[in-house]
């Protein structure tokens, strides 16, 4: 039986954030994307391109008293990959090392910030 549902929590560089229950997040584990290209004699060759892992569409709860937005912006401003761990409603936990991609935008009405993450190697289940 499969269990769907929201991301319950995400940890970025050791700091935990709650994730909005209505966030429709997509996960890409990373590894290889394949393309098959034809040869002139009717045979084909496989072209493998290594791709990073990614998480898109994450909306984390922001608490101004904890300087959450500033923490996230400092991570984005940094020059390194940091540990990422994601806990799903199913109980599955995925981890990797990555960085925030794109802007860190705060929505004051919902007190959330939209995030996208990507990283090196692959994201693996613990």
C-alpha atoms as a PDB file:
ATOM      1  CA  UNK A   1       0.000   0.000   0.000  1.00  0.00           C
ATOM      2  CA  UNK A   2       1.304   3.457  -0.897  1.00  0.00           C
ATOM      3  CA  UNK A   3       0.910   6.388   1.466  1.00  0.00           C
ATOM      4  CA  UNK A   4       0.683   9.878  -0.016  1.00  0.00           C
ATOM      5  CA  UNK A   5       0.545  13.202   1.707  1.00  0.00           C
ATOM      6  CA  UNK A   6       2.591  16.278   2.390  1.00  0.00           C
ATOM      7  CA  UNK A   7       6.172  16.643   3.449  1.00  0.00           C
ATOM      8  CA  UNK A   8       5.975  16.845   7.227  1.00  0.00           C
ATOM      9  CA  UNK A   9       9.344  18.433   7.845  1.00  0.00           C
ATOM     10  CA  UNK A  10      12.501  19.477   6.068  1.00  0.00           C
ATOM     11  CA  UNK A  11      15.874  19.985   7.700  1.00  0.00           C
ATOM     12  CA  UNK A  12      18.300  22.401   6.070  1.00  0.00           C
ATOM     13  CA  UNK A  13      21.818  22.499   7.509  1.00  0.00           C
ATOM     14  CA  UNK A  14      20.476  21.039  10.764  1.00  0.00           C
ATOM     15  CA  UNK A  15      17.566  23.476  11.185  1.00  0.00           C
ATOM     16  CA  UNK A  16      14.051  22.030  10.914  1.00  0.00           C
ATOM     17  CA  UNK A  17      11.145  23.675   9.121  1.00  0.00           C
ATOM     18  CA  UNK A  18       7.491  22.639   8.951  1.00  0.00           C
ATOM     19  CA  UNK A  19       6.158  22.388   5.401  1.00  0.00           C
ATOM     20  CA  UNK A  20       2.721  23.646   4.361  1.00  0.00           C
ATOM     21  CA  UNK A  21       0.332  20.688   4.041  1.00  0.00           C
ATOM     22  CA  UNK A  22      -0.979  21.938   0.690  1.00  0.00           C
ATOM     23  CA  UNK A  23       2.469  22.185  -0.921  1.00  0.00           C
ATOM     24  CA  UNK A  24       2.616  20.009  -4.041  1.00  0.00           C
ATOM     25  CA  UNK A  25       6.307  19.145  -4.026  1.00  0.00           C
ATOM     26  CA  UNK A  26       8.134  17.213  -6.719  1.00  0.00           C
ATOM     27  CA  UNK A  27      11.210  15.069  -5.991  1.00  0.00           C
ATOM     28  CA  UNK A  28      13.861  14.051  -8.494  1.00  0.00           C
ATOM     29  CA  UNK A  29      16.445  11.626  -7.095  1.00  0.00           C
ATOM     30  CA  UNK A  30      19.221  12.548  -9.499  1.00  0.00           C
ATOM     31  CA  UNK A  31      21.453  10.121 -11.330  1.00  0.00           C
ATOM     32  CA  UNK A  32      21.209   9.806 -15.098  1.00  0.00           C
ATOM     33  CA  UNK A  33      18.800  10.878 -17.806  1.00  0.00           C
ATOM     34  CA  UNK A  34      19.022   8.793 -20.957  1.00  0.00           C
ATOM     35  CA  UNK A  35      18.570   9.612 -24.593  1.00  0.00           C
ATOM     36  CA  UNK A  36      18.699   7.166 -27.469  1.00  0.00           C
ATOM     37  CA  UNK A  37      20.239   8.627 -30.623  1.00  0.00           C
ATOM     38  CA  UNK A  38      20.092   6.927 -34.016  1.00  0.00           C
ATOM     39  CA  UNK A  39      23.102   6.008 -36.115  1.00  0.00           C
ATOM     40  CA  UNK A  40      23.052   6.165 -39.912  1.00  0.00           C
ATOM     41  CA  UNK A  41      23.060   2.376 -40.282  1.00  0.00           C
ATOM     42  CA  UNK A  42      19.903   1.860 -38.198  1.00  0.00           C
ATOM     43  CA  UNK A  43      21.622   1.064 -34.916  1.00  0.00           C
ATOM     44  CA  UNK A  44      21.376   3.380 -31.942  1.00  0.00           C
ATOM     45  CA  UNK A  45      23.567   4.626 -29.159  1.00  0.00           C
ATOM     46  CA  UNK A  46      22.643   5.578 -25.610  1.00  0.00           C
ATOM     47  CA  UNK A  47      23.622   9.027 -24.361  1.00  0.00           C
ATOM     48  CA  UNK A  48      23.703   9.336 -20.586  1.00  0.00           C
ATOM     49  CA  UNK A  49      23.668  12.739 -18.926  1.00  0.00           C
ATOM     50  CA  UNK A  50      24.275  12.986 -15.192  1.00  0.00           C
ATOM     51  CA  UNK A  51      21.674  15.182 -13.472  1.00  0.00           C
ATOM     52  CA  UNK A  52      21.445  16.509  -9.899  1.00  0.00           C
ATOM     53  CA  UNK A  53      18.678  15.677  -7.450  1.00  0.00           C
ATOM     54  CA  UNK A  54      16.019  18.328  -6.870  1.00  0.00           C
ATOM     55  CA  UNK A  55      12.991  19.240  -4.782  1.00  0.00           C
ATOM     56  CA  UNK A  56      10.638  21.872  -6.144  1.00  0.00           C
ATOM     57  CA  UNK A  57       7.474  23.497  -4.832  1.00  0.00           C
ATOM     58  CA  UNK A  58       8.410  23.456  -1.143  1.00  0.00           C
ATOM     59  CA  UNK A  59       6.584  25.976   1.082  1.00  0.00           C
ATOM     60  CA  UNK A  60       8.128  26.208   4.550  1.00  0.00           C
ATOM     61  CA  UNK A  61       6.655  27.886   7.605  1.00  0.00           C
ATOM     62  CA  UNK A  62       8.514  31.117   8.408  1.00  0.00           C
ATOM     63  CA  UNK A  63       8.719  32.533  11.928  1.00  0.00           C
ATOM     64  CA  UNK A  64      10.077  36.084  11.980  1.00  0.00           C
ATOM     65  CA  UNK A  65      10.937  35.736  15.683  1.00  0.00           C
ATOM     66  CA  UNK A  66      13.424  32.985  14.727  1.00  0.00           C
ATOM     67  CA  UNK A  67      14.866  34.920  11.763  1.00  0.00           C
ATOM     68  CA  UNK A  68      13.884  31.997   9.512  1.00  0.00           C
ATOM     69  CA  UNK A  69      13.871  34.063   6.325  1.00  0.00           C
ATOM     70  CA  UNK A  70      17.312  35.471   7.106  1.00  0.00           C
ATOM     71  CA  UNK A  71      18.637  31.957   7.830  1.00  0.00           C
ATOM     72  CA  UNK A  72      17.394  30.690   4.478  1.00  0.00           C
ATOM     73  CA  UNK A  73      18.838  33.683   2.629  1.00  0.00           C
ATOM     74  CA  UNK A  74      22.201  33.149   4.359  1.00  0.00           C
ATOM     75  CA  UNK A  75      22.186  29.542   3.117  1.00  0.00           C
ATOM     76  CA  UNK A  76      21.395  30.742  -0.407  1.00  0.00           C
ATOM     77  CA  UNK A  77      24.162  33.352  -0.186  1.00  0.00           C
ATOM     78  CA  UNK A  78      26.678  30.719   0.937  1.00  0.00           C
ATOM     79  CA  UNK A  79      29.277  29.044  -1.224  1.00  0.00           C
ATOM     80  CA  UNK A  80      28.714  25.448  -0.100  1.00  0.00           C
ATOM     81  CA  UNK A  81      26.299  22.568  -0.241  1.00  0.00           C
ATOM     82  CA  UNK A  82      24.606  21.760   3.084  1.00  0.00           C
ATOM     83  CA  UNK A  83      22.805  18.689   4.490  1.00  0.00           C
ATOM     84  CA  UNK A  84      19.138  18.296   3.521  1.00  0.00           C
ATOM     85  CA  UNK A  85      16.730  15.760   5.039  1.00  0.00           C
ATOM     86  CA  UNK A  86      13.060  15.457   4.064  1.00  0.00           C
ATOM     87  CA  UNK A  87      10.434  13.556   6.091  1.00  0.00           C
ATOM     88  CA  UNK A  88       7.306  12.497   4.203  1.00  0.00           C
ATOM     89  CA  UNK A  89       3.841  11.633   5.584  1.00  0.00           C
ATOM     90  CA  UNK A  90       4.622   7.995   4.752  1.00  0.00           C
ATOM     91  CA  UNK A  91       7.478   8.078   7.251  1.00  0.00           C
ATOM     92  CA  UNK A  92      10.092   7.877   4.490  1.00  0.00           C
ATOM     93  CA  UNK A  93      13.123  10.110   4.964  1.00  0.00           C
ATOM     94  CA  UNK A  94      15.297  11.200   2.052  1.00  0.00           C
ATOM     95  CA  UNK A  95      18.635  12.922   2.409  1.00  0.00           C
ATOM     96  CA  UNK A  96      21.281  14.601   0.303  1.00  0.00           C
ATOM     97  CA  UNK A  97      23.541  17.614   0.179  1.00  0.00           C
ATOM     98  CA  UNK A  98      22.337  20.595  -1.777  1.00  0.00           C
ATOM     99  CA  UNK A  99      21.723  24.288  -2.155  1.00  0.00           C
ATOM    100  CA  UNK A 100      18.729  26.600  -2.522  1.00  0.00           C
ATOM    101  CA  UNK A 101      18.065  27.457  -6.164  1.00  0.00           C
ATOM    102  CA  UNK A 102      16.223  30.518  -7.358  1.00  0.00           C
ATOM    103  CA  UNK A 103      14.845  33.152  -4.999  1.00  0.00           C
ATOM    104  CA  UNK A 104      13.745  32.759  -1.386  1.00  0.00           C
ATOM    105  CA  UNK A 105      10.376  34.528  -1.451  1.00  0.00           C
ATOM    106  CA  UNK A 106       8.401  35.156   1.735  1.00  0.00           C
ATOM    107  CA  UNK A 107       4.588  35.340   1.609  1.00  0.00           C
ATOM    108  CA  UNK A 108       3.372  37.388   4.576  1.00  0.00           C
ATOM    109  CA  UNK A 109      -0.281  36.299   4.188  1.00  0.00           C
ATOM    110  CA  UNK A 110       0.578  32.617   4.551  1.00  0.00           C
ATOM    111  CA  UNK A 111       3.788  33.089   6.582  1.00  0.00           C
ATOM    112  CA  UNK A 112       5.576  30.723   4.219  1.00  0.00           C
ATOM    113  CA  UNK A 113       8.573  30.905   1.935  1.00  0.00           C
ATOM    114  CA  UNK A 114       8.732  29.127  -1.408  1.00  0.00           C
ATOM    115  CA  UNK A 115      11.907  27.093  -1.903  1.00  0.00           C
ATOM    116  CA  UNK A 116      13.498  24.965  -4.562  1.00  0.00           C
ATOM    117  CA  UNK A 117      16.534  22.838  -3.791  1.00  0.00           C
ATOM    118  CA  UNK A 118      19.035  20.914  -5.880  1.00  0.00           C
ATOM    119  CA  UNK A 119      22.229  19.094  -5.080  1.00  0.00           C
ATOM    120  CA  UNK A 120      25.120  16.958  -6.042  1.00  0.00           C
ATOM    121  CA  UNK A 121      25.136  13.189  -6.414  1.00  0.00           C
ATOM    122  CA  UNK A 122      21.758  11.628  -5.601  1.00  0.00           C
ATOM    123  CA  UNK A 123      19.098  11.944  -2.934  1.00  0.00           C
ATOM    124  CA  UNK A 124      18.783   8.653  -1.073  1.00  0.00           C
ATOM    125  CA  UNK A 125      16.262   7.139   1.290  1.00  0.00           C
ATOM    126  CA  UNK A 126      17.538   6.552   4.829  1.00  0.00           C
END
